[in-house]
């Protein structure tokens, strides 16, 4: 039975695809970039929400990319069966609702609306669905936060360390891939939006310090006090959201996800950039 995976070339797909192949799934992976078929994966080039045909007898639809594009496609797609649906959203649907940045509040609204539309469409079609809301994802070297920070530090031999008391809970991409597999297998997770964070909570300051420790070259620590952050936020409106969140907790309650999925994510150990 075919598993159709959208956003398959991203950081979670890097770990999910070989795990699907290892368990004997017929994998059809969709990406905006062209890829040669290999390792039991058939690649299809496509960009959502453009039309992407559903293979006959598809057993599962997995969305690893922007959930709002997936939902727009899902609302127009037709099926000859009842595939299981698992989609990644983001904890930003909750954490950015009260952001001082209007653009970030808009992102939260888009995510929450997409989750509601996905649930409505799947229920109208009689499809079992699960949405996972991950925290900050790392581990594949293609994230847009932790890895770029470490690479810039390695290049400039300096690492900014802001005063940041807010808690963080980074989740490894492979643990998220395991959660996707568990959601496909466990019917008790159907009809749920599940928060999913890493196995360790630490302050943002400690998270940055641990990222600095992963850099293979010496770096000069540049401590950024809270008053300097306030000045930067006042002078640069686009930084108000990110800087304000340094003092806020961006964490997930994993209790329900662990109970329903049986996946216990690892602690935060960033790989060398």
Protein backbone atom coordinates (compact mmCIF):
# COMPACT_ATOMS: atom_id res chain seq x y z
CA UNK A 1 0.00 0.00 0.00
CA UNK A 2 1.36 3.40 -1.03
CA UNK A 3 2.37 6.08 1.47
CA UNK A 4 2.25 9.50 -0.21
CA UNK A 5 4.64 11.86 1.61
CA UNK A 6 4.59 15.62 0.98
CA UNK A 7 7.58 17.79 1.90
CA UNK A 8 9.63 14.63 1.81
CA UNK A 9 12.98 16.31 1.14
CA UNK A 10 12.85 18.29 4.39
CA UNK A 11 14.53 17.49 7.68
CA UNK A 12 11.85 15.11 8.99
CA UNK A 13 11.60 13.35 5.62
CA UNK A 14 15.30 12.56 5.79
CA UNK A 15 14.56 10.22 8.69
CA UNK A 16 11.01 9.16 7.86
CA UNK A 17 11.55 7.86 4.33
CA UNK A 18 14.15 5.18 5.20
CA UNK A 19 12.04 4.09 8.17
CA UNK A 20 9.00 3.66 5.91
CA UNK A 21 11.07 1.68 3.39
CA UNK A 22 12.50 -0.51 6.16
CA UNK A 23 9.01 -1.59 7.17
CA UNK A 24 8.08 -2.49 3.60
CA UNK A 25 5.96 0.51 2.63
CA UNK A 26 5.63 1.59 -1.00
CA UNK A 27 6.78 5.20 -0.70
CA UNK A 28 5.85 7.96 -3.13
CA UNK A 29 7.66 11.14 -2.07
CA UNK A 30 6.67 14.60 -3.28
CA UNK A 31 9.09 17.53 -3.39
CA UNK A 32 9.29 20.83 -5.24
CA UNK A 33 12.76 19.78 -6.46
CA UNK A 34 13.51 16.87 -8.77
CA UNK A 35 15.00 13.71 -7.20
CA UNK A 36 16.02 10.43 -8.77
CA UNK A 37 14.22 7.32 -7.54
CA UNK A 38 16.39 5.41 -5.10
CA UNK A 39 16.38 3.26 -1.96
CA UNK A 40 12.81 2.10 -2.39
CA UNK A 41 11.41 5.63 -2.81
CA UNK A 42 9.62 6.90 -5.92
CA UNK A 43 9.98 10.66 -6.21
CA UNK A 44 7.42 12.96 -7.79
CA UNK A 45 8.07 16.64 -8.43
CA UNK A 46 5.21 18.88 -7.36
CA UNK A 47 4.37 22.01 -5.41
CA UNK A 48 1.31 22.22 -3.20
CA UNK A 49 -1.41 23.28 -3.44
CA UNK A 50 -1.05 22.44 -7.15
CA UNK A 51 -2.67 19.22 -8.26
CA UNK A 52 -0.72 16.12 -7.24
CA UNK A 53 -2.49 12.89 -8.22
CA UNK A 54 -3.15 10.38 -5.46
CA UNK A 55 -1.84 6.87 -6.23
CA UNK A 56 -4.54 4.22 -6.41
CA UNK A 57 -5.02 2.43 -3.14
CA UNK A 58 -3.04 4.96 -1.11
CA UNK A 59 -2.83 3.80 2.49
CA UNK A 60 -1.51 7.02 4.00
CA UNK A 61 -1.08 10.71 3.30
CA UNK A 62 1.72 12.35 5.27
CA UNK A 63 2.35 16.10 5.19
CA UNK A 64 5.75 17.27 6.45
CA UNK A 65 5.61 20.71 4.85
CA UNK A 66 3.38 23.77 5.31
CA UNK A 67 0.07 22.43 6.59
CA UNK A 68 -2.04 25.17 4.97
CA UNK A 69 -0.81 24.21 1.49
CA UNK A 70 -1.52 20.55 2.21
CA UNK A 71 -5.06 21.34 3.34
CA UNK A 72 -5.73 23.38 0.19
CA UNK A 73 -4.70 20.34 -1.84
CA UNK A 74 -6.66 17.96 0.39
CA UNK A 75 -9.84 19.96 -0.11
CA UNK A 76 -9.66 19.32 -3.86
CA UNK A 77 -8.19 15.80 -3.94
CA UNK A 78 -10.21 12.65 -4.59
CA UNK A 79 -9.54 9.17 -3.21
CA UNK A 80 -10.51 5.61 -4.11
CA UNK A 81 -10.13 4.50 -0.50
CA UNK A 82 -9.72 5.94 2.97
CA UNK A 83 -6.04 6.77 3.52
CA UNK A 84 -4.76 7.61 7.00
CA UNK A 85 -3.75 11.28 7.28
CA UNK A 86 -0.90 12.58 9.45
CA UNK A 87 0.23 16.20 9.15
CA UNK A 88 2.78 18.41 10.87
CA UNK A 89 1.68 21.81 12.04
CA UNK A 90 3.67 23.84 14.59
CA UNK A 91 3.53 25.00 18.18
CA UNK A 92 3.62 28.48 16.65
CA UNK A 93 -0.14 28.08 16.28
CA UNK A 94 -0.22 28.66 20.03
CA UNK A 95 3.01 30.47 20.93
CA UNK A 96 2.65 33.28 18.36
CA UNK A 97 -1.01 34.09 18.99
CA UNK A 98 -0.13 36.97 21.32
CA UNK A 99 3.07 38.09 19.58
CA UNK A 100 3.69 41.85 19.37
CA UNK A 101 4.52 41.30 15.68
CA UNK A 102 1.36 41.33 13.49
CA UNK A 103 3.05 39.07 10.93
CA UNK A 104 3.68 36.44 13.61
CA UNK A 105 0.09 36.67 14.84
CA UNK A 106 -0.99 36.12 11.26
CA UNK A 107 1.17 32.96 11.06
CA UNK A 108 -0.52 31.60 14.18
CA UNK A 109 -3.91 32.30 12.62
CA UNK A 110 -3.01 30.54 9.38
CA UNK A 111 -1.82 27.46 11.25
CA UNK A 112 -4.87 27.25 13.50
CA UNK A 113 -7.21 27.73 10.54
CA UNK A 114 -5.41 25.02 8.56
CA UNK A 115 -5.75 22.58 11.46
CA UNK A 116 -9.50 23.25 11.65
CA UNK A 117 -9.93 22.85 7.89
CA UNK A 118 -7.94 19.62 7.88
CA UNK A 119 -10.12 18.13 10.60
CA UNK A 120 -13.31 19.21 8.80
CA UNK A 121 -12.21 17.84 5.42
CA UNK A 122 -11.05 14.51 6.82
CA UNK A 123 -14.21 14.05 8.85
CA UNK A 124 -16.34 14.86 5.79
CA UNK A 125 -14.50 12.14 3.85
CA UNK A 126 -14.41 9.65 6.71
CA UNK A 127 -10.62 9.77 6.96
CA UNK A 128 -8.77 9.21 10.24
CA UNK A 129 -6.39 12.10 10.90
CA UNK A 130 -3.75 13.24 13.36
CA UNK A 131 -1.98 16.60 13.57
CA UNK A 132 1.36 16.91 15.34
CA UNK A 133 2.49 20.29 16.66
CA UNK A 134 6.28 20.10 17.08
CA UNK A 135 8.44 22.59 18.90
CA UNK A 136 11.73 23.77 17.38
CA UNK A 137 13.00 20.98 15.09
CA UNK A 138 16.71 20.20 14.73
CA UNK A 139 19.00 17.28 13.90
CA UNK A 140 19.16 17.13 10.10
CA UNK A 141 21.36 20.19 9.57
CA UNK A 142 18.72 21.91 7.44
CA UNK A 143 16.78 23.87 10.07
CA UNK A 144 16.65 27.66 9.85
CA UNK A 145 17.54 28.47 13.44
CA UNK A 146 20.04 26.30 15.32
CA UNK A 147 22.24 25.17 12.43
CA UNK A 148 22.67 28.63 10.79
CA UNK A 149 23.56 30.08 14.18
CA UNK A 150 26.24 27.45 14.72
CA UNK A 151 27.63 27.83 11.19
CA UNK A 152 27.89 31.61 11.50
CA UNK A 153 29.68 31.17 14.81
CA UNK A 154 32.15 28.73 13.25
CA UNK A 155 32.82 31.21 10.45
CA UNK A 156 33.08 34.36 12.59
CA UNK A 157 34.53 32.71 15.73
CA UNK A 158 31.99 34.58 17.86
CA UNK A 159 28.73 33.43 19.42
CA UNK A 160 25.99 35.75 20.79
CA UNK A 161 24.58 34.57 24.12
CA UNK A 162 21.47 36.59 25.00
CA UNK A 163 20.02 36.81 28.49
CA UNK A 164 17.04 34.51 27.97
CA UNK A 165 15.09 32.88 30.78
CA UNK A 166 12.30 31.41 28.67
CA UNK A 167 12.21 27.61 28.46
CA UNK A 168 12.87 25.75 25.23
CA UNK A 169 12.24 22.13 24.21
CA UNK A 170 13.94 21.38 20.85
CA UNK A 171 12.80 18.14 19.21
CA UNK A 172 15.02 15.95 17.04
CA UNK A 173 13.72 15.37 13.50
CA UNK A 174 14.12 11.60 13.88
CA UNK A 175 11.96 11.56 17.02
CA UNK A 176 9.31 13.43 15.05
CA UNK A 177 9.62 10.82 12.27
CA UNK A 178 9.01 8.13 14.89
CA UNK A 179 5.96 10.03 16.10
CA UNK A 180 4.58 10.14 12.54
CA UNK A 181 5.02 6.37 12.20
CA UNK A 182 3.32 5.79 15.53
CA UNK A 183 0.40 8.01 14.52
CA UNK A 184 -0.01 5.95 11.34
CA UNK A 185 -0.09 2.74 13.36
CA UNK A 186 -2.14 3.72 16.38
CA UNK A 187 -5.85 4.36 15.79
CA UNK A 188 -6.20 5.84 19.28
CA UNK A 189 -4.29 8.92 18.07
CA UNK A 190 -6.90 9.70 15.39
CA UNK A 191 -8.86 12.91 15.63
CA UNK A 192 -6.24 14.59 17.83
CA UNK A 193 -3.96 17.62 17.64
CA UNK A 194 -0.92 16.58 19.67
CA UNK A 195 1.84 18.84 20.97
CA UNK A 196 5.23 17.19 20.55
CA UNK A 197 8.45 18.59 21.98
CA UNK A 198 11.87 17.22 22.78
CA UNK A 199 12.70 15.17 25.83
CA UNK A 200 14.41 18.00 27.71
CA UNK A 201 13.41 21.49 28.78
CA UNK A 202 16.12 24.08 29.24
CA UNK A 203 16.34 27.84 29.25
CA UNK A 204 16.90 29.54 25.92
CA UNK A 205 20.23 30.80 27.30
CA UNK A 206 21.28 27.21 28.12
CA UNK A 207 20.12 26.05 24.69
CA UNK A 208 22.31 28.67 23.01
CA UNK A 209 25.25 27.70 25.22
CA UNK A 210 24.83 24.07 24.22
CA UNK A 211 24.73 25.02 20.53
CA UNK A 212 27.94 27.00 21.05
CA UNK A 213 29.55 23.93 22.62
CA UNK A 214 28.70 21.93 19.47
CA UNK A 215 30.76 24.26 17.26
CA UNK A 216 34.05 22.46 16.47
CA UNK A 217 36.13 25.67 16.56
CA UNK A 218 36.77 28.16 19.36
CA UNK A 219 34.23 30.98 19.57
CA UNK A 220 34.19 34.18 21.57
CA UNK A 221 31.08 34.39 23.78
CA UNK A 222 29.24 37.68 23.22
CA UNK A 223 26.84 38.21 26.12
CA UNK A 224 23.80 40.28 25.18
CA UNK A 225 22.11 41.78 28.28
CA UNK A 226 18.37 42.25 28.53
CA UNK A 227 18.59 46.05 28.19
CA UNK A 228 20.40 45.68 24.86
CA UNK A 229 17.66 43.37 23.64
CA UNK A 230 15.02 45.94 24.61
CA UNK A 231 16.87 48.64 22.69
CA UNK A 232 17.17 46.40 19.63
CA UNK A 233 13.46 45.55 19.78
CA UNK A 234 12.55 49.25 19.98
CA UNK A 235 14.79 50.15 17.03
CA UNK A 236 14.01 47.13 14.84
CA UNK A 237 10.29 46.22 14.87
CA UNK A 238 10.92 42.95 13.01
CA UNK A 239 12.91 41.73 16.03
CA UNK A 240 10.22 42.48 18.61
CA UNK A 241 8.55 39.10 18.29
CA UNK A 242 11.70 36.94 18.44
CA UNK A 243 13.28 39.01 21.23
CA UNK A 244 10.13 39.10 23.35
CA UNK A 245 9.88 35.30 23.15
CA UNK A 246 13.35 34.89 24.66
CA UNK A 247 11.72 35.45 28.05
CA UNK A 248 8.67 33.26 27.29
CA UNK A 249 8.32 29.51 27.64
CA UNK A 250 7.99 27.78 24.24
CA UNK A 251 7.43 24.24 25.38
CA UNK A 252 5.03 21.37 24.83
CA UNK A 253 3.21 19.10 27.23
CA UNK A 254 4.22 15.70 25.84
CA UNK A 255 2.07 13.65 28.20
CA UNK A 256 -0.77 13.01 25.76
CA UNK A 257 1.52 12.37 22.79
CA UNK A 258 3.66 9.94 24.76
CA UNK A 259 0.57 8.12 26.04
CA UNK A 260 -1.03 7.79 22.60
CA UNK A 261 2.09 7.31 20.48
CA UNK A 262 4.50 5.57 22.84
CA UNK A 263 7.41 7.75 21.68
CA UNK A 264 9.78 9.29 24.22
CA UNK A 265 11.95 11.92 22.53
CA UNK A 266 15.62 12.36 23.35
CA UNK A 267 17.29 15.24 25.19
CA UNK A 268 18.84 18.14 23.35
CA UNK A 269 22.25 17.27 21.89
CA UNK A 270 22.87 19.47 18.84
CA UNK A 271 25.20 17.90 16.25
CA UNK A 272 28.27 19.74 15.03
CA UNK A 273 27.42 22.10 12.15
